N, C-alpha and C. Protein backbone atom coordinates (compact mmCIF):
# COMPACT_ATOMS: atom_id res chain seq x y z
N MET A 1 -69.45 -9.68 -194.19
CA MET A 1 -69.01 -10.15 -192.89
C MET A 1 -70.25 -10.59 -192.11
N THR A 2 -70.21 -11.81 -191.61
CA THR A 2 -71.35 -12.34 -190.88
C THR A 2 -71.26 -11.98 -189.40
N GLY A 3 -72.30 -12.33 -188.67
CA GLY A 3 -72.33 -12.04 -187.24
C GLY A 3 -71.20 -12.71 -186.48
N VAL A 4 -70.87 -13.94 -186.88
CA VAL A 4 -69.79 -14.66 -186.21
C VAL A 4 -68.46 -13.94 -186.40
N HIS A 5 -68.24 -13.42 -187.59
CA HIS A 5 -66.99 -12.72 -187.87
C HIS A 5 -66.92 -11.40 -187.09
N ILE A 6 -68.05 -10.74 -186.97
CA ILE A 6 -68.08 -9.49 -186.19
C ILE A 6 -67.79 -9.79 -184.72
N ILE A 7 -68.40 -10.85 -184.20
CA ILE A 7 -68.14 -11.23 -182.80
C ILE A 7 -66.67 -11.59 -182.60
N ALA A 8 -66.09 -12.31 -183.55
CA ALA A 8 -64.68 -12.68 -183.45
C ALA A 8 -63.79 -11.43 -183.48
N LEU A 9 -64.12 -10.50 -184.36
CA LEU A 9 -63.33 -9.27 -184.46
C LEU A 9 -63.45 -8.44 -183.19
N VAL A 10 -64.64 -8.29 -182.67
CA VAL A 10 -64.84 -7.53 -181.42
C VAL A 10 -64.13 -8.23 -180.27
N SER A 11 -64.21 -9.55 -180.22
CA SER A 11 -63.51 -10.30 -179.17
C SER A 11 -62.01 -10.10 -179.25
N ALA A 12 -61.47 -10.12 -180.46
CA ALA A 12 -60.03 -9.91 -180.64
C ALA A 12 -59.63 -8.51 -180.18
N LEU A 13 -60.43 -7.50 -180.53
CA LEU A 13 -60.12 -6.13 -180.13
C LEU A 13 -60.22 -5.96 -178.62
N VAL A 14 -61.21 -6.59 -178.00
CA VAL A 14 -61.33 -6.53 -176.54
C VAL A 14 -60.14 -7.23 -175.89
N THR A 15 -59.74 -8.36 -176.45
CA THR A 15 -58.59 -9.09 -175.91
C THR A 15 -57.33 -8.24 -175.98
N ILE A 16 -57.11 -7.60 -177.11
CA ILE A 16 -55.94 -6.73 -177.26
C ILE A 16 -55.98 -5.61 -176.22
N THR A 17 -57.14 -5.00 -176.05
CA THR A 17 -57.28 -3.91 -175.08
C THR A 17 -57.00 -4.39 -173.66
N VAL A 18 -57.55 -5.54 -173.30
CA VAL A 18 -57.36 -6.07 -171.95
C VAL A 18 -55.88 -6.43 -171.72
N ILE A 19 -55.25 -7.07 -172.70
CA ILE A 19 -53.85 -7.46 -172.55
C ILE A 19 -52.95 -6.22 -172.40
N VAL A 20 -53.20 -5.21 -173.20
CA VAL A 20 -52.40 -3.98 -173.10
C VAL A 20 -52.59 -3.34 -171.73
N GLU A 21 -53.81 -3.35 -171.22
CA GLU A 21 -54.07 -2.79 -169.89
C GLU A 21 -53.38 -3.62 -168.80
N LEU A 22 -53.39 -4.94 -168.94
CA LEU A 22 -52.71 -5.80 -167.97
C LEU A 22 -51.20 -5.57 -167.99
N ILE A 23 -50.65 -5.35 -169.17
CA ILE A 23 -49.22 -5.03 -169.28
C ILE A 23 -48.94 -3.69 -168.61
N ARG A 24 -49.79 -2.71 -168.88
CA ARG A 24 -49.60 -1.38 -168.33
C ARG A 24 -49.62 -1.40 -166.80
N ARG A 25 -50.50 -2.21 -166.23
CA ARG A 25 -50.59 -2.32 -164.76
C ARG A 25 -49.60 -3.32 -164.18
N ARG A 26 -48.82 -3.93 -165.04
CA ARG A 26 -47.81 -4.92 -164.65
C ARG A 26 -48.42 -6.14 -163.97
N TYR A 27 -49.61 -6.55 -164.43
CA TYR A 27 -50.25 -7.77 -163.94
C TYR A 27 -49.84 -9.00 -164.75
N ILE A 28 -49.32 -8.76 -165.94
CA ILE A 28 -48.90 -9.86 -166.80
C ILE A 28 -47.54 -9.50 -167.39
N HIS A 29 -46.68 -10.48 -167.46
CA HIS A 29 -45.32 -10.26 -167.97
C HIS A 29 -45.37 -10.15 -169.49
N GLU A 30 -44.48 -9.36 -170.04
CA GLU A 30 -44.49 -9.10 -171.48
C GLU A 30 -44.33 -10.37 -172.31
N ARG A 31 -43.51 -11.30 -171.83
CA ARG A 31 -43.26 -12.49 -172.65
C ARG A 31 -44.52 -13.33 -172.81
N PHE A 32 -45.42 -13.32 -171.80
CA PHE A 32 -46.68 -14.03 -171.94
C PHE A 32 -47.69 -13.20 -172.73
N ALA A 33 -47.62 -11.90 -172.56
CA ALA A 33 -48.55 -11.02 -173.25
C ALA A 33 -48.37 -11.07 -174.76
N VAL A 34 -47.15 -11.25 -175.20
CA VAL A 34 -46.88 -11.30 -176.65
C VAL A 34 -47.67 -12.44 -177.29
N ILE A 35 -47.71 -13.58 -176.61
CA ILE A 35 -48.44 -14.72 -177.16
C ILE A 35 -49.91 -14.38 -177.33
N TRP A 36 -50.50 -13.79 -176.29
CA TRP A 36 -51.94 -13.48 -176.35
C TRP A 36 -52.22 -12.38 -177.36
N LEU A 37 -51.32 -11.42 -177.49
CA LEU A 37 -51.52 -10.39 -178.51
C LEU A 37 -51.44 -10.98 -179.91
N LEU A 38 -50.52 -11.91 -180.12
CA LEU A 38 -50.43 -12.55 -181.43
C LEU A 38 -51.69 -13.36 -181.73
N VAL A 39 -52.19 -14.07 -180.75
CA VAL A 39 -53.43 -14.83 -180.94
C VAL A 39 -54.58 -13.89 -181.30
N ALA A 40 -54.69 -12.79 -180.59
CA ALA A 40 -55.76 -11.83 -180.86
C ALA A 40 -55.62 -11.24 -182.27
N LEU A 41 -54.39 -10.96 -182.69
CA LEU A 41 -54.18 -10.42 -184.03
C LEU A 41 -54.53 -11.45 -185.12
N VAL A 42 -54.18 -12.71 -184.88
CA VAL A 42 -54.53 -13.77 -185.84
C VAL A 42 -56.04 -13.92 -185.94
N ILE A 43 -56.71 -13.90 -184.78
CA ILE A 43 -58.17 -14.00 -184.79
C ILE A 43 -58.78 -12.82 -185.53
N ALA A 44 -58.27 -11.63 -185.28
CA ALA A 44 -58.78 -10.43 -185.98
C ALA A 44 -58.55 -10.54 -187.48
N PHE A 45 -57.37 -11.03 -187.87
CA PHE A 45 -57.06 -11.18 -189.29
C PHE A 45 -58.04 -12.14 -189.97
N PHE A 46 -58.25 -13.31 -189.34
CA PHE A 46 -59.17 -14.28 -189.94
C PHE A 46 -60.62 -13.84 -189.85
N ALA A 47 -60.95 -12.98 -188.88
CA ALA A 47 -62.31 -12.44 -188.81
C ALA A 47 -62.54 -11.45 -189.95
N ILE A 48 -61.51 -10.70 -190.29
CA ILE A 48 -61.63 -9.74 -191.39
C ILE A 48 -61.57 -10.44 -192.75
N PHE A 49 -60.73 -11.47 -192.86
CA PHE A 49 -60.57 -12.21 -194.11
C PHE A 49 -60.91 -13.69 -193.89
N PRO A 50 -62.20 -14.02 -193.70
CA PRO A 50 -62.57 -15.41 -193.41
C PRO A 50 -62.31 -16.37 -194.57
N THR A 51 -62.29 -15.86 -195.78
CA THR A 51 -62.05 -16.76 -196.91
C THR A 51 -60.65 -17.35 -196.88
N ILE A 52 -59.69 -16.62 -196.31
CA ILE A 52 -58.33 -17.15 -196.20
C ILE A 52 -58.32 -18.35 -195.26
N PHE A 53 -59.02 -18.24 -194.13
CA PHE A 53 -59.08 -19.36 -193.19
C PHE A 53 -59.81 -20.54 -193.81
N ASN A 54 -60.91 -20.26 -194.50
CA ASN A 54 -61.66 -21.33 -195.17
C ASN A 54 -60.80 -22.03 -196.22
N SER A 55 -60.05 -21.26 -196.98
CA SER A 55 -59.16 -21.85 -197.99
C SER A 55 -58.07 -22.68 -197.34
N LEU A 56 -57.53 -22.19 -196.23
CA LEU A 56 -56.51 -22.94 -195.49
C LEU A 56 -57.08 -24.26 -194.99
N ALA A 57 -58.28 -24.21 -194.44
CA ALA A 57 -58.91 -25.43 -193.93
C ALA A 57 -59.13 -26.43 -195.05
N HIS A 58 -59.67 -25.98 -196.18
CA HIS A 58 -59.93 -26.87 -197.30
C HIS A 58 -58.64 -27.43 -197.90
N SER A 59 -57.59 -26.61 -197.92
CA SER A 59 -56.31 -27.11 -198.45
C SER A 59 -55.69 -28.17 -197.54
N LEU A 60 -56.04 -28.14 -196.26
CA LEU A 60 -55.58 -29.16 -195.32
C LEU A 60 -56.49 -30.39 -195.30
N GLY A 61 -57.54 -30.35 -196.10
CA GLY A 61 -58.45 -31.48 -196.19
C GLY A 61 -59.56 -31.47 -195.16
N VAL A 62 -59.76 -30.33 -194.50
CA VAL A 62 -60.82 -30.21 -193.50
C VAL A 62 -62.07 -29.70 -194.21
N LYS A 63 -63.16 -30.45 -194.09
CA LYS A 63 -64.39 -30.07 -194.80
C LYS A 63 -65.14 -28.95 -194.09
N ASP A 64 -65.02 -28.90 -192.76
CA ASP A 64 -65.73 -27.89 -191.99
C ASP A 64 -64.72 -27.00 -191.27
N PRO A 65 -64.49 -25.77 -191.75
CA PRO A 65 -63.47 -24.89 -191.17
C PRO A 65 -63.59 -24.67 -189.66
N PRO A 66 -64.80 -24.58 -189.09
CA PRO A 66 -64.85 -24.44 -187.62
C PRO A 66 -64.22 -25.63 -186.88
N SER A 67 -64.22 -26.80 -187.49
CA SER A 67 -63.56 -27.95 -186.87
C SER A 67 -62.06 -27.71 -186.76
N LEU A 68 -61.47 -27.14 -187.80
CA LEU A 68 -60.05 -26.81 -187.76
C LEU A 68 -59.78 -25.78 -186.68
N LEU A 69 -60.66 -24.80 -186.57
CA LEU A 69 -60.51 -23.78 -185.55
C LEU A 69 -60.55 -24.40 -184.15
N SER A 70 -61.45 -25.34 -183.94
CA SER A 70 -61.55 -26.02 -182.64
C SER A 70 -60.28 -26.81 -182.33
N VAL A 71 -59.80 -27.55 -183.31
CA VAL A 71 -58.59 -28.36 -183.10
C VAL A 71 -57.40 -27.45 -182.81
N LEU A 72 -57.26 -26.38 -183.58
CA LEU A 72 -56.15 -25.45 -183.35
C LEU A 72 -56.25 -24.80 -181.98
N GLY A 73 -57.47 -24.46 -181.57
CA GLY A 73 -57.67 -23.86 -180.24
C GLY A 73 -57.27 -24.81 -179.13
N VAL A 74 -57.68 -26.07 -179.24
CA VAL A 74 -57.34 -27.07 -178.23
C VAL A 74 -55.82 -27.30 -178.19
N LEU A 75 -55.19 -27.40 -179.35
CA LEU A 75 -53.74 -27.59 -179.40
C LEU A 75 -53.00 -26.40 -178.79
N PHE A 76 -53.47 -25.20 -179.09
CA PHE A 76 -52.86 -24.01 -178.53
C PHE A 76 -52.97 -24.00 -177.01
N LEU A 77 -54.16 -24.31 -176.49
CA LEU A 77 -54.34 -24.32 -175.05
C LEU A 77 -53.52 -25.43 -174.39
N LEU A 78 -53.35 -26.55 -175.08
CA LEU A 78 -52.50 -27.62 -174.56
C LEU A 78 -51.06 -27.13 -174.45
N LEU A 79 -50.58 -26.44 -175.48
CA LEU A 79 -49.22 -25.89 -175.43
C LEU A 79 -49.06 -24.86 -174.32
N VAL A 80 -50.08 -24.04 -174.12
CA VAL A 80 -50.02 -23.05 -173.04
C VAL A 80 -49.95 -23.76 -171.69
N CYS A 81 -50.74 -24.82 -171.51
CA CYS A 81 -50.72 -25.57 -170.25
C CYS A 81 -49.36 -26.21 -170.01
N VAL A 82 -48.77 -26.79 -171.04
CA VAL A 82 -47.45 -27.40 -170.90
C VAL A 82 -46.42 -26.33 -170.55
N ARG A 83 -46.47 -25.21 -171.22
CA ARG A 83 -45.53 -24.12 -170.96
C ARG A 83 -45.67 -23.62 -169.52
N LEU A 84 -46.90 -23.41 -169.07
CA LEU A 84 -47.10 -22.93 -167.71
C LEU A 84 -46.70 -23.98 -166.67
N SER A 85 -46.92 -25.25 -166.97
CA SER A 85 -46.48 -26.32 -166.06
C SER A 85 -44.97 -26.32 -165.94
N TRP A 86 -44.29 -26.15 -167.06
CA TRP A 86 -42.82 -26.07 -167.04
C TRP A 86 -42.37 -24.88 -166.20
N GLU A 87 -43.03 -23.75 -166.39
CA GLU A 87 -42.68 -22.53 -165.66
C GLU A 87 -42.92 -22.72 -164.16
N VAL A 88 -44.02 -23.34 -163.78
CA VAL A 88 -44.31 -23.59 -162.37
C VAL A 88 -43.25 -24.51 -161.76
N GLY A 89 -42.87 -25.56 -162.48
CA GLY A 89 -41.85 -26.47 -161.98
C GLY A 89 -40.52 -25.77 -161.78
N ARG A 90 -40.15 -24.93 -162.74
CA ARG A 90 -38.89 -24.18 -162.63
C ARG A 90 -38.93 -23.22 -161.45
N LEU A 91 -40.05 -22.54 -161.26
CA LEU A 91 -40.17 -21.61 -160.14
C LEU A 91 -40.21 -22.34 -158.80
N GLN A 92 -40.80 -23.53 -158.79
CA GLN A 92 -40.82 -24.32 -157.55
C GLN A 92 -39.40 -24.70 -157.14
N GLU A 93 -38.59 -25.11 -158.10
CA GLU A 93 -37.20 -25.45 -157.79
C GLU A 93 -36.45 -24.24 -157.27
N ARG A 94 -36.65 -23.10 -157.90
CA ARG A 94 -35.98 -21.87 -157.44
C ARG A 94 -36.44 -21.49 -156.04
N THR A 95 -37.73 -21.67 -155.76
CA THR A 95 -38.26 -21.33 -154.44
C THR A 95 -37.65 -22.23 -153.37
N GLU A 96 -37.49 -23.51 -153.66
CA GLU A 96 -36.88 -24.43 -152.70
C GLU A 96 -35.43 -24.03 -152.41
N VAL A 97 -34.69 -23.69 -153.44
CA VAL A 97 -33.30 -23.27 -153.25
C VAL A 97 -33.24 -22.00 -152.41
N LEU A 98 -34.12 -21.04 -152.72
CA LEU A 98 -34.13 -19.79 -151.95
C LEU A 98 -34.54 -20.04 -150.50
N ALA A 99 -35.48 -20.93 -150.27
CA ALA A 99 -35.89 -21.25 -148.90
C ALA A 99 -34.74 -21.86 -148.12
N GLU A 100 -33.97 -22.73 -148.76
CA GLU A 100 -32.81 -23.33 -148.09
C GLU A 100 -31.77 -22.27 -147.77
N GLU A 101 -31.54 -21.37 -148.72
CA GLU A 101 -30.55 -20.31 -148.49
C GLU A 101 -31.00 -19.38 -147.36
N VAL A 102 -32.28 -19.06 -147.30
CA VAL A 102 -32.80 -18.22 -146.22
C VAL A 102 -32.65 -18.92 -144.88
N ALA A 103 -32.92 -20.22 -144.85
CA ALA A 103 -32.78 -20.97 -143.60
C ALA A 103 -31.33 -20.95 -143.13
N LEU A 104 -30.39 -21.13 -144.04
CA LEU A 104 -28.97 -21.08 -143.67
C LEU A 104 -28.58 -19.69 -143.16
N LEU A 105 -29.04 -18.66 -143.85
CA LEU A 105 -28.72 -17.29 -143.42
C LEU A 105 -29.35 -16.98 -142.07
N ARG A 106 -30.57 -17.45 -141.85
CA ARG A 106 -31.24 -17.23 -140.56
C ARG A 106 -30.46 -17.92 -139.44
N LYS A 107 -29.99 -19.13 -139.70
CA LYS A 107 -29.21 -19.87 -138.71
C LYS A 107 -27.91 -19.12 -138.39
N GLU A 108 -27.23 -18.65 -139.42
CA GLU A 108 -25.99 -17.88 -139.20
C GLU A 108 -26.28 -16.61 -138.42
N PHE A 109 -27.37 -15.94 -138.71
CA PHE A 109 -27.74 -14.71 -138.02
C PHE A 109 -28.04 -15.00 -136.54
N GLU A 110 -28.80 -16.07 -136.29
CA GLU A 110 -29.12 -16.43 -134.91
C GLU A 110 -27.86 -16.82 -134.14
N ASP A 111 -26.97 -17.56 -134.80
CA ASP A 111 -25.71 -17.93 -134.16
C ASP A 111 -24.88 -16.69 -133.84
N ALA A 112 -24.82 -15.76 -134.76
CA ALA A 112 -24.05 -14.53 -134.54
C ALA A 112 -24.69 -13.70 -133.44
N ALA A 113 -26.00 -13.68 -133.37
CA ALA A 113 -26.69 -12.91 -132.34
C ALA A 113 -26.46 -13.50 -130.95
N GLU A 114 -26.28 -14.82 -130.88
CA GLU A 114 -26.04 -15.49 -129.61
C GLU A 114 -24.57 -15.44 -129.23
N GLY A 115 -23.75 -14.93 -130.09
CA GLY A 115 -22.32 -14.86 -129.81
C GLY A 115 -21.57 -16.11 -130.17
N ALA A 116 -22.23 -17.04 -130.79
CA ALA A 116 -21.58 -18.29 -131.19
C ALA A 116 -20.75 -18.01 -132.45
N PRO A 117 -19.64 -18.71 -132.59
CA PRO A 117 -18.82 -18.51 -133.80
C PRO A 117 -19.57 -19.01 -135.03
N THR A 118 -19.40 -18.27 -136.12
CA THR A 118 -20.04 -18.68 -137.38
C THR A 118 -19.16 -19.68 -138.10
N ARG A 119 -19.76 -20.46 -138.92
CA ARG A 119 -19.01 -21.44 -139.69
C ARG A 119 -18.42 -20.77 -140.93
N ASP A 120 -17.20 -21.10 -141.23
CA ASP A 120 -16.57 -20.53 -142.43
C ASP A 120 -16.04 -21.61 -143.29
């Protein structure tokens, strides 16, 4: 095992520890944590068995395995960005609907407090 593999393994173990702690403190939702835990486990697996990753890279026609790792990392981060953008858009729509509902309820409350008839 080379120095790079040891660093990758230690990084994966630290990532797993941090993610578990974030879950425990409820700073990260479980559905997102699962993705990061899987990534950390895959990194740990390939750090322990680097020949499997090298064989995979060569079977895909990649001459330099770190290049495959870089491409996979960029693709993964792109997917994470798309997923989070989708989630933000969905939450923004929900927030707008909730804000409208709160405004309507506030208006009804103010009308009721003033003695005005409420709309039915």
